[in-house]
Amino acid sequence: MAKDASFDIVSKVDMQEVVNAVDQALREISTRYDLKDSNTEINLDKEKRMIKITSADDYKVRASNDVLKNKMVKRGIPLKALNEKEPYESGLNKTVMEIAIQDGIPQEKAKEIVKAVKEAKLKKVQASIQGDVVRISGPKRDDLQEAISLLKEKDFGIDMQFDNYR
């Protein structure tokens, strides 16, 4: 008997590309005339997967964020993997914006994905949550292809990649 086919839905961000994007953004910010002397900082905490943009005011924080996003897109980092918080005043005439970098599929989103697969009533296709990954399995690859196209149509508000297709 043939083994079931399966694939994983994952959400991964290449942190080295994030580091490169941050470096490029800082270089551009230091030369842009509207941001040149703003003492803008972009700090990346790889462990917490958090980016913190600090600048003189709200405009400069948002402009710096736009530069950063532009660099991330060019480096192949999906913007859906970034979770931005509203900028806030931190005192000392500084404004701060924090951006969380998604790692793995959050539990509530994983449940939404499983529910969407079940509601689609695809033939013998099962979805199961395994940590921060959702595994989709079924007897036929065609059914899995159908599941992939269904999931690509829906917007779960997160970045998803389809991995380990076998």
N, C-alpha and C. Protein backbone atom coordinates (compact mmCIF):
# COMPACT_ATOMS: atom_id res chain seq x y z
N MET A 1 0.84 -1.20 0.00
CA MET A 1 0.00 0.00 0.00
C MET A 1 0.88 1.26 0.00
N ALA A 2 0.51 2.22 -0.79
CA ALA A 2 1.29 3.46 -0.90
C ALA A 2 1.09 4.32 0.36
N LYS A 3 2.18 4.96 0.75
CA LYS A 3 2.14 5.84 1.91
C LYS A 3 1.42 7.14 1.54
N ASP A 4 0.70 7.72 2.50
CA ASP A 4 0.02 8.99 2.25
C ASP A 4 1.04 10.07 1.87
N ALA A 5 0.61 10.95 0.98
CA ALA A 5 1.41 12.12 0.64
C ALA A 5 1.15 13.19 1.70
N SER A 6 2.11 14.08 1.90
CA SER A 6 1.89 15.14 2.88
C SER A 6 2.78 16.35 2.57
N PHE A 7 2.42 17.46 3.19
CA PHE A 7 3.29 18.64 3.16
C PHE A 7 3.06 19.42 4.45
N ASP A 8 4.02 20.29 4.76
CA ASP A 8 3.92 21.11 5.96
C ASP A 8 3.69 22.56 5.56
N ILE A 9 2.88 23.24 6.35
CA ILE A 9 2.72 24.68 6.19
C ILE A 9 3.56 25.31 7.29
N VAL A 10 4.55 26.09 6.89
CA VAL A 10 5.46 26.68 7.86
C VAL A 10 5.51 28.19 7.64
N SER A 11 6.11 28.87 8.58
CA SER A 11 6.35 30.30 8.44
C SER A 11 7.74 30.56 8.99
N LYS A 12 8.68 30.73 8.07
CA LYS A 12 10.08 30.95 8.46
C LYS A 12 10.59 32.22 7.81
N VAL A 13 11.46 32.92 8.52
CA VAL A 13 12.11 34.10 7.98
C VAL A 13 13.61 33.88 8.11
N ASP A 14 14.33 34.12 7.02
CA ASP A 14 15.79 33.98 7.03
C ASP A 14 16.37 35.18 7.79
N MET A 15 16.84 34.95 9.02
CA MET A 15 17.32 36.04 9.87
C MET A 15 18.55 36.72 9.28
N GLN A 16 19.37 36.01 8.52
CA GLN A 16 20.53 36.65 7.90
C GLN A 16 20.08 37.71 6.89
N GLU A 17 19.00 37.42 6.19
CA GLU A 17 18.46 38.41 5.25
C GLU A 17 17.90 39.62 6.00
N VAL A 18 17.32 39.39 7.19
CA VAL A 18 16.82 40.50 8.01
C VAL A 18 17.99 41.37 8.43
N VAL A 19 19.09 40.74 8.87
CA VAL A 19 20.30 41.48 9.28
C VAL A 19 20.78 42.34 8.10
N ASN A 20 20.85 41.75 6.91
CA ASN A 20 21.31 42.48 5.73
C ASN A 20 20.37 43.65 5.40
N ALA A 21 19.07 43.42 5.51
CA ALA A 21 18.09 44.47 5.22
C ALA A 21 18.24 45.63 6.21
N VAL A 22 18.44 45.31 7.49
CA VAL A 22 18.61 46.34 8.52
C VAL A 22 19.87 47.17 8.21
N ASP A 23 20.97 46.48 7.86
CA ASP A 23 22.22 47.18 7.54
C ASP A 23 22.03 48.11 6.34
N GLN A 24 21.38 47.61 5.31
CA GLN A 24 21.15 48.44 4.12
C GLN A 24 20.26 49.64 4.44
N ALA A 25 19.22 49.42 5.24
CA ALA A 25 18.31 50.50 5.61
C ALA A 25 19.06 51.58 6.39
N LEU A 26 19.91 51.16 7.33
CA LEU A 26 20.68 52.14 8.11
C LEU A 26 21.59 52.96 7.21
N ARG A 27 22.20 52.30 6.22
CA ARG A 27 23.07 53.02 5.28
C ARG A 27 22.28 54.06 4.50
N GLU A 28 21.09 53.67 4.02
CA GLU A 28 20.28 54.62 3.24
C GLU A 28 19.78 55.76 4.11
N ILE A 29 19.37 55.47 5.34
CA ILE A 29 18.85 56.50 6.24
C ILE A 29 19.95 57.53 6.55
N SER A 30 21.18 57.06 6.70
CA SER A 30 22.28 57.98 7.04
C SER A 30 22.61 58.92 5.88
N THR A 31 22.18 58.60 4.65
CA THR A 31 22.48 59.46 3.51
C THR A 31 21.27 60.25 3.03
N ARG A 32 20.05 59.87 3.44
CA ARG A 32 18.86 60.58 2.97
C ARG A 32 18.77 61.93 3.66
N TYR A 33 18.55 62.98 2.86
CA TYR A 33 18.64 64.32 3.44
C TYR A 33 17.56 64.60 4.48
N ASP A 34 16.36 64.02 4.33
CA ASP A 34 15.29 64.27 5.30
C ASP A 34 15.49 63.47 6.59
N LEU A 35 16.37 62.47 6.58
CA LEU A 35 16.60 61.64 7.77
C LEU A 35 18.05 61.73 8.28
N LYS A 36 18.90 62.46 7.57
CA LYS A 36 20.34 62.44 7.81
C LYS A 36 20.73 62.68 9.28
N ASP A 37 20.28 63.77 9.87
CA ASP A 37 20.71 64.11 11.24
C ASP A 37 19.64 63.80 12.28
N SER A 38 18.86 62.77 12.04
CA SER A 38 17.75 62.45 12.94
C SER A 38 18.16 61.49 14.06
N ASN A 39 19.42 61.03 14.05
CA ASN A 39 19.91 60.04 15.02
C ASN A 39 19.00 58.82 15.07
N THR A 40 18.57 58.38 13.91
CA THR A 40 17.69 57.22 13.82
C THR A 40 18.50 55.95 14.05
N GLU A 41 17.94 55.07 14.86
CA GLU A 41 18.58 53.78 15.13
C GLU A 41 17.60 52.68 14.77
N ILE A 42 18.14 51.60 14.20
CA ILE A 42 17.35 50.40 13.97
C ILE A 42 18.09 49.27 14.66
N ASN A 43 17.50 48.75 15.73
CA ASN A 43 18.15 47.68 16.48
C ASN A 43 17.41 46.36 16.26
N LEU A 44 18.18 45.33 15.96
CA LEU A 44 17.62 44.01 15.74
C LEU A 44 18.03 43.10 16.89
N ASP A 45 17.05 42.51 17.56
CA ASP A 45 17.32 41.52 18.60
C ASP A 45 16.96 40.16 18.01
N LYS A 46 17.99 39.41 17.60
CA LYS A 46 17.75 38.13 16.92
C LYS A 46 17.08 37.12 17.85
N GLU A 47 17.45 37.13 19.13
CA GLU A 47 16.88 36.16 20.08
C GLU A 47 15.38 36.37 20.24
N LYS A 48 14.98 37.63 20.46
CA LYS A 48 13.56 37.93 20.66
C LYS A 48 12.82 38.12 19.33
N ARG A 49 13.59 38.12 18.21
CA ARG A 49 13.03 38.34 16.88
C ARG A 49 12.22 39.63 16.86
N MET A 50 12.91 40.72 17.25
CA MET A 50 12.27 42.02 17.39
C MET A 50 13.16 43.09 16.77
N ILE A 51 12.55 44.02 16.03
CA ILE A 51 13.26 45.17 15.48
C ILE A 51 12.70 46.40 16.19
N LYS A 52 13.60 47.29 16.61
CA LYS A 52 13.16 48.52 17.28
C LYS A 52 13.75 49.70 16.50
N ILE A 53 12.85 50.56 16.00
CA ILE A 53 13.27 51.77 15.29
C ILE A 53 13.08 52.94 16.25
N THR A 54 14.16 53.69 16.48
CA THR A 54 14.10 54.85 17.37
C THR A 54 14.54 56.07 16.58
N SER A 55 13.75 57.16 16.66
CA SER A 55 14.10 58.37 15.94
C SER A 55 13.53 59.59 16.66
N ALA A 56 13.73 60.76 16.05
CA ALA A 56 13.35 62.02 16.69
C ALA A 56 11.84 62.21 16.78
N ASP A 57 11.09 61.79 15.76
CA ASP A 57 9.64 62.00 15.80
C ASP A 57 8.91 60.93 14.99
N ASP A 58 7.59 61.00 15.03
CA ASP A 58 6.74 60.01 14.38
C ASP A 58 7.03 59.91 12.88
N TYR A 59 7.15 61.07 12.22
CA TYR A 59 7.41 61.06 10.77
C TYR A 59 8.69 60.30 10.45
N LYS A 60 9.75 60.58 11.20
CA LYS A 60 11.05 59.97 10.90
C LYS A 60 11.04 58.46 11.19
N VAL A 61 10.30 58.06 12.23
CA VAL A 61 10.18 56.62 12.53
C VAL A 61 9.45 55.92 11.38
N ARG A 62 8.35 56.51 10.93
CA ARG A 62 7.58 55.90 9.85
C ARG A 62 8.36 55.89 8.53
N ALA A 63 9.08 56.98 8.26
CA ALA A 63 9.89 57.03 7.03
C ALA A 63 11.00 55.98 7.08
N SER A 64 11.62 55.83 8.25
CA SER A 64 12.67 54.83 8.42
C SER A 64 12.10 53.42 8.25
N ASN A 65 10.88 53.21 8.77
CA ASN A 65 10.21 51.92 8.62
C ASN A 65 9.95 51.63 7.14
N ASP A 66 9.55 52.65 6.38
CA ASP A 66 9.32 52.46 4.94
C ASP A 66 10.61 52.05 4.23
N VAL A 67 11.72 52.69 4.60
CA VAL A 67 13.02 52.34 4.01
C VAL A 67 13.34 50.88 4.34
N LEU A 68 13.13 50.51 5.61
CA LEU A 68 13.41 49.14 6.06
C LEU A 68 12.55 48.12 5.29
N LYS A 69 11.26 48.41 5.17
CA LYS A 69 10.35 47.50 4.45
C LYS A 69 10.80 47.32 3.00
N ASN A 70 11.20 48.43 2.38
CA ASN A 70 11.67 48.40 1.00
C ASN A 70 12.87 47.45 0.87
N LYS A 71 13.80 47.55 1.81
CA LYS A 71 15.00 46.69 1.78
C LYS A 71 14.62 45.23 2.03
N MET A 72 13.64 45.00 2.91
CA MET A 72 13.22 43.63 3.20
C MET A 72 12.58 42.98 1.98
N VAL A 73 11.73 43.73 1.28
CA VAL A 73 11.09 43.19 0.08
C VAL A 73 12.15 42.80 -0.94
N LYS A 74 13.16 43.67 -1.12
CA LYS A 74 14.22 43.39 -2.08
C LYS A 74 15.02 42.15 -1.69
N ARG A 75 15.05 41.82 -0.40
CA ARG A 75 15.80 40.66 0.07
C ARG A 75 14.91 39.42 0.21
N GLY A 76 13.67 39.53 -0.24
CA GLY A 76 12.79 38.36 -0.25
C GLY A 76 12.15 38.05 1.08
N ILE A 77 12.10 39.02 1.98
CA ILE A 77 11.45 38.81 3.27
C ILE A 77 10.00 39.28 3.13
N PRO A 78 9.03 38.38 3.34
CA PRO A 78 7.62 38.77 3.18
C PRO A 78 7.18 39.74 4.27
N LEU A 79 6.51 40.82 3.88
CA LEU A 79 6.07 41.82 4.86
C LEU A 79 5.01 41.27 5.80
N LYS A 80 4.31 40.20 5.37
CA LYS A 80 3.31 39.58 6.26
C LYS A 80 3.98 38.95 7.48
N ALA A 81 5.28 38.71 7.40
CA ALA A 81 5.99 38.11 8.52
C ALA A 81 6.36 39.16 9.57
N LEU A 82 6.05 40.42 9.29
CA LEU A 82 6.37 41.50 10.22
C LEU A 82 5.10 41.97 10.92
N ASN A 83 5.17 42.08 12.22
CA ASN A 83 4.02 42.50 13.01
C ASN A 83 4.37 43.83 13.68
N GLU A 84 3.91 44.93 13.06
CA GLU A 84 4.27 46.27 13.54
C GLU A 84 3.33 46.73 14.63
N LYS A 85 3.92 47.41 15.61
CA LYS A 85 3.11 48.07 16.64
C LYS A 85 3.12 49.56 16.33
N GLU A 86 2.13 50.29 16.83
CA GLU A 86 2.07 51.73 16.60
C GLU A 86 3.26 52.41 17.29
N PRO A 87 3.84 53.45 16.65
CA PRO A 87 4.94 54.17 17.30
C PRO A 87 4.46 54.85 18.58
N TYR A 88 5.37 54.97 19.55
CA TYR A 88 5.03 55.64 20.81
C TYR A 88 6.19 56.52 21.24
N GLU A 89 5.87 57.54 22.04
CA GLU A 89 6.89 58.45 22.57
C GLU A 89 7.56 57.76 23.76
N SER A 90 8.89 57.77 23.77
CA SER A 90 9.58 57.08 24.86
C SER A 90 10.22 58.06 25.83
N GLY A 91 9.94 59.34 25.67
CA GLY A 91 10.60 60.33 26.50
C GLY A 91 11.91 60.73 25.84
N LEU A 92 12.59 61.73 26.38
CA LEU A 92 13.85 62.23 25.82
C LEU A 92 13.70 62.59 24.34
N ASN A 93 12.51 63.09 23.97
CA ASN A 93 12.23 63.48 22.59
C ASN A 93 12.52 62.38 21.59
N LYS A 94 12.18 61.16 21.93
CA LYS A 94 12.39 60.03 21.03
C LYS A 94 11.05 59.33 20.78
N THR A 95 10.89 58.83 19.57
CA THR A 95 9.73 58.02 19.23
C THR A 95 10.23 56.64 18.84
N VAL A 96 9.51 55.61 19.29
CA VAL A 96 9.96 54.24 19.08
C VAL A 96 8.86 53.44 18.38
N MET A 97 9.27 52.58 17.46
CA MET A 97 8.34 51.65 16.83
C MET A 97 8.94 50.25 16.96
N GLU A 98 8.13 49.31 17.43
CA GLU A 98 8.61 47.94 17.56
C GLU A 98 7.96 47.07 16.49
N ILE A 99 8.77 46.17 15.92
CA ILE A 99 8.29 45.27 14.89
C ILE A 99 8.70 43.85 15.28
N ALA A 100 7.70 42.98 15.48
CA ALA A 100 7.99 41.58 15.81
C ALA A 100 8.12 40.80 14.50
N ILE A 101 9.07 39.87 14.47
CA ILE A 101 9.27 39.03 13.30
C ILE A 101 8.65 37.68 13.60
N GLN A 102 7.69 37.30 12.77
CA GLN A 102 6.96 36.05 12.98
C GLN A 102 7.89 34.85 12.83
N ASP A 103 7.73 33.90 13.74
CA ASP A 103 8.49 32.66 13.65
C ASP A 103 7.55 31.51 13.96
N GLY A 104 7.25 30.73 12.95
CA GLY A 104 6.29 29.65 13.15
C GLY A 104 4.87 30.18 13.02
N ILE A 105 3.93 29.27 12.96
CA ILE A 105 2.53 29.64 12.82
C ILE A 105 1.90 29.71 14.20
N PRO A 106 1.36 30.88 14.58
CA PRO A 106 0.72 31.00 15.90
C PRO A 106 -0.45 30.01 16.03
N GLN A 107 -0.72 29.54 17.24
CA GLN A 107 -1.75 28.53 17.49
C GLN A 107 -3.12 28.91 16.91
N GLU A 108 -3.55 30.16 17.15
CA GLU A 108 -4.89 30.53 16.67
C GLU A 108 -4.96 30.51 15.14
N LYS A 109 -3.86 30.89 14.47
CA LYS A 109 -3.83 30.84 13.00
C LYS A 109 -3.79 29.39 12.53
N ALA A 110 -3.05 28.54 13.23
CA ALA A 110 -2.98 27.12 12.88
C ALA A 110 -4.39 26.50 12.96
N LYS A 111 -5.14 26.86 14.00
CA LYS A 111 -6.51 26.36 14.14
C LYS A 111 -7.40 26.83 12.99
N GLU A 112 -7.21 28.10 12.56
CA GLU A 112 -7.97 28.62 11.42
C GLU A 112 -7.67 27.83 10.16
N ILE A 113 -6.39 27.50 9.96
CA ILE A 113 -5.97 26.75 8.76
C ILE A 113 -6.60 25.36 8.77
N VAL A 114 -6.51 24.67 9.93
CA VAL A 114 -7.10 23.33 10.05
C VAL A 114 -8.60 23.39 9.78
N LYS A 115 -9.27 24.40 10.34
CA LYS A 115 -10.71 24.56 10.16
C LYS A 115 -11.04 24.79 8.68
N ALA A 116 -10.25 25.62 8.01
CA ALA A 116 -10.49 25.90 6.58
C ALA A 116 -10.35 24.64 5.74
N VAL A 117 -9.37 23.80 6.07
CA VAL A 117 -9.17 22.55 5.32
C VAL A 117 -10.35 21.60 5.56
N LYS A 118 -10.80 21.51 6.81
CA LYS A 118 -11.94 20.63 7.12
C LYS A 118 -13.22 21.11 6.45
N GLU A 119 -13.45 22.43 6.47
CA GLU A 119 -14.66 22.99 5.87
C GLU A 119 -14.69 22.82 4.35
N ALA A 120 -13.50 22.71 3.73
CA ALA A 120 -13.44 22.56 2.27
C ALA A 120 -13.87 21.16 1.85
N LYS A 121 -13.94 20.24 2.81
CA LYS A 121 -14.37 18.85 2.57
C LYS A 121 -13.61 18.21 1.41
N LEU A 122 -12.28 18.36 1.43
CA LEU A 122 -11.45 17.71 0.42
C LEU A 122 -11.39 16.22 0.75
N LYS A 123 -11.36 15.37 -0.27
CA LYS A 123 -11.41 13.92 -0.06
C LYS A 123 -10.24 13.41 0.78
N LYS A 124 -10.55 12.87 1.94
CA LYS A 124 -9.58 12.20 2.81
C LYS A 124 -8.34 13.03 3.13
N VAL A 125 -8.46 14.35 3.09
CA VAL A 125 -7.33 15.22 3.43
C VAL A 125 -7.45 15.61 4.91
N GLN A 126 -6.37 15.36 5.64
CA GLN A 126 -6.35 15.70 7.05
C GLN A 126 -5.36 16.83 7.32
N ALA A 127 -5.68 17.65 8.31
CA ALA A 127 -4.78 18.71 8.74
C ALA A 127 -4.53 18.52 10.23
N SER A 128 -3.27 18.62 10.62
CA SER A 128 -2.98 18.49 12.05
C SER A 128 -1.92 19.52 12.45
N ILE A 129 -2.07 20.02 13.67
CA ILE A 129 -1.13 21.01 14.19
C ILE A 129 0.00 20.26 14.90
N GLN A 130 1.24 20.58 14.50
CA GLN A 130 2.40 19.96 15.13
C GLN A 130 3.35 21.07 15.56
N GLY A 131 3.15 21.54 16.78
CA GLY A 131 3.96 22.66 17.27
C GLY A 131 3.60 23.92 16.51
N ASP A 132 4.59 24.54 15.84
CA ASP A 132 4.31 25.75 15.07
C ASP A 132 4.25 25.47 13.57
N VAL A 133 3.91 24.21 13.23
CA VAL A 133 3.77 23.77 11.85
C VAL A 133 2.41 23.10 11.69
N VAL A 134 1.78 23.25 10.53
CA VAL A 134 0.55 22.53 10.24
C VAL A 134 0.86 21.50 9.15
N ARG A 135 0.60 20.22 9.44
CA ARG A 135 0.85 19.17 8.45
C ARG A 135 -0.47 18.81 7.78
N ILE A 136 -0.43 18.77 6.46
CA ILE A 136 -1.59 18.38 5.66
C ILE A 136 -1.23 17.05 5.00
N SER A 137 -2.08 16.04 5.16
CA SER A 137 -1.78 14.74 4.54
C SER A 137 -3.04 14.19 3.88
N GLY A 138 -2.80 13.34 2.89
CA GLY A 138 -3.91 12.74 2.15
C GLY A 138 -3.38 11.65 1.24
N PRO A 139 -4.27 10.80 0.74
CA PRO A 139 -3.83 9.67 -0.08
C PRO A 139 -3.30 10.08 -1.46
N LYS A 140 -3.80 11.19 -2.01
CA LYS A 140 -3.42 11.56 -3.37
C LYS A 140 -2.77 12.95 -3.41
N ARG A 141 -1.75 13.04 -4.24
CA ARG A 141 -1.07 14.33 -4.39
C ARG A 141 -2.00 15.38 -4.99
N ASP A 142 -2.92 14.95 -5.85
CA ASP A 142 -3.86 15.90 -6.47
C ASP A 142 -4.70 16.60 -5.40
N ASP A 143 -5.11 15.82 -4.38
CA ASP A 143 -5.90 16.40 -3.29
C ASP A 143 -5.06 17.43 -2.52
N LEU A 144 -3.78 17.12 -2.37
CA LEU A 144 -2.89 18.06 -1.65
C LEU A 144 -2.69 19.33 -2.47
N GLN A 145 -2.58 19.19 -3.79
CA GLN A 145 -2.47 20.37 -4.66
C GLN A 145 -3.70 21.25 -4.51
N GLU A 146 -4.87 20.59 -4.42
CA GLU A 146 -6.13 21.31 -4.24
C GLU A 146 -6.11 22.06 -2.90
N ALA A 147 -5.59 21.40 -1.86
CA ALA A 147 -5.50 22.02 -0.54
C ALA A 147 -4.58 23.24 -0.58
N ILE A 148 -3.45 23.11 -1.30
CA ILE A 148 -2.51 24.24 -1.40
C ILE A 148 -3.18 25.43 -2.09
N SER A 149 -3.86 25.17 -3.21
CA SER A 149 -4.49 26.29 -3.92
C SER A 149 -5.59 26.92 -3.07
N LEU A 150 -6.33 26.10 -2.32
CA LEU A 150 -7.36 26.62 -1.43
C LEU A 150 -6.74 27.55 -0.37
N LEU A 151 -5.62 27.10 0.22
CA LEU A 151 -4.97 27.89 1.29
C LEU A 151 -4.33 29.16 0.74
N LYS A 152 -3.87 29.12 -0.51
CA LYS A 152 -3.27 30.32 -1.11
C LYS A 152 -4.34 31.38 -1.37
N GLU A 153 -5.56 30.93 -1.67
CA GLU A 153 -6.66 31.87 -1.95
C GLU A 153 -7.07 32.62 -0.69
N LYS A 154 -7.10 31.92 0.43
CA LYS A 154 -7.54 32.53 1.68
C LYS A 154 -6.40 33.37 2.26
N ASP A 155 -6.77 34.45 2.93
CA ASP A 155 -5.75 35.27 3.57
C ASP A 155 -5.86 35.07 5.08
N PHE A 156 -4.86 34.43 5.65
CA PHE A 156 -4.85 34.19 7.10
C PHE A 156 -4.09 35.30 7.83
N GLY A 157 -3.58 36.28 7.09
CA GLY A 157 -2.88 37.40 7.70
C GLY A 157 -1.46 37.06 8.15
N ILE A 158 -0.97 35.90 7.75
CA ILE A 158 0.40 35.52 8.10
C ILE A 158 1.12 35.04 6.84
N ASP A 159 2.43 35.01 6.93
CA ASP A 159 3.23 34.50 5.82
C ASP A 159 3.26 32.98 5.92
N MET A 160 3.00 32.29 4.82
CA MET A 160 3.00 30.82 4.83
C MET A 160 3.86 30.30 3.69
N GLN A 161 4.66 29.27 3.98
CA GLN A 161 5.36 28.55 2.94
C GLN A 161 4.94 27.09 3.01
N PHE A 162 4.96 26.44 1.85
CA PHE A 162 4.58 25.02 1.78
C PHE A 162 5.88 24.24 1.63
N ASP A 163 6.13 23.35 2.59
CA ASP A 163 7.44 22.73 2.75
C ASP A 163 7.30 21.20 2.83
N ASN A 164 8.39 20.48 2.67
CA ASN A 164 8.44 19.02 2.84
C ASN A 164 7.35 18.29 2.05
N TYR A 165 7.15 18.70 0.80
CA TYR A 165 6.13 18.06 -0.03
C TYR A 165 6.63 16.68 -0.43
N ARG A 166 5.89 15.64 -0.01
CA ARG A 166 6.33 14.27 -0.37
C ARG A 166 5.12 13.36 -0.54
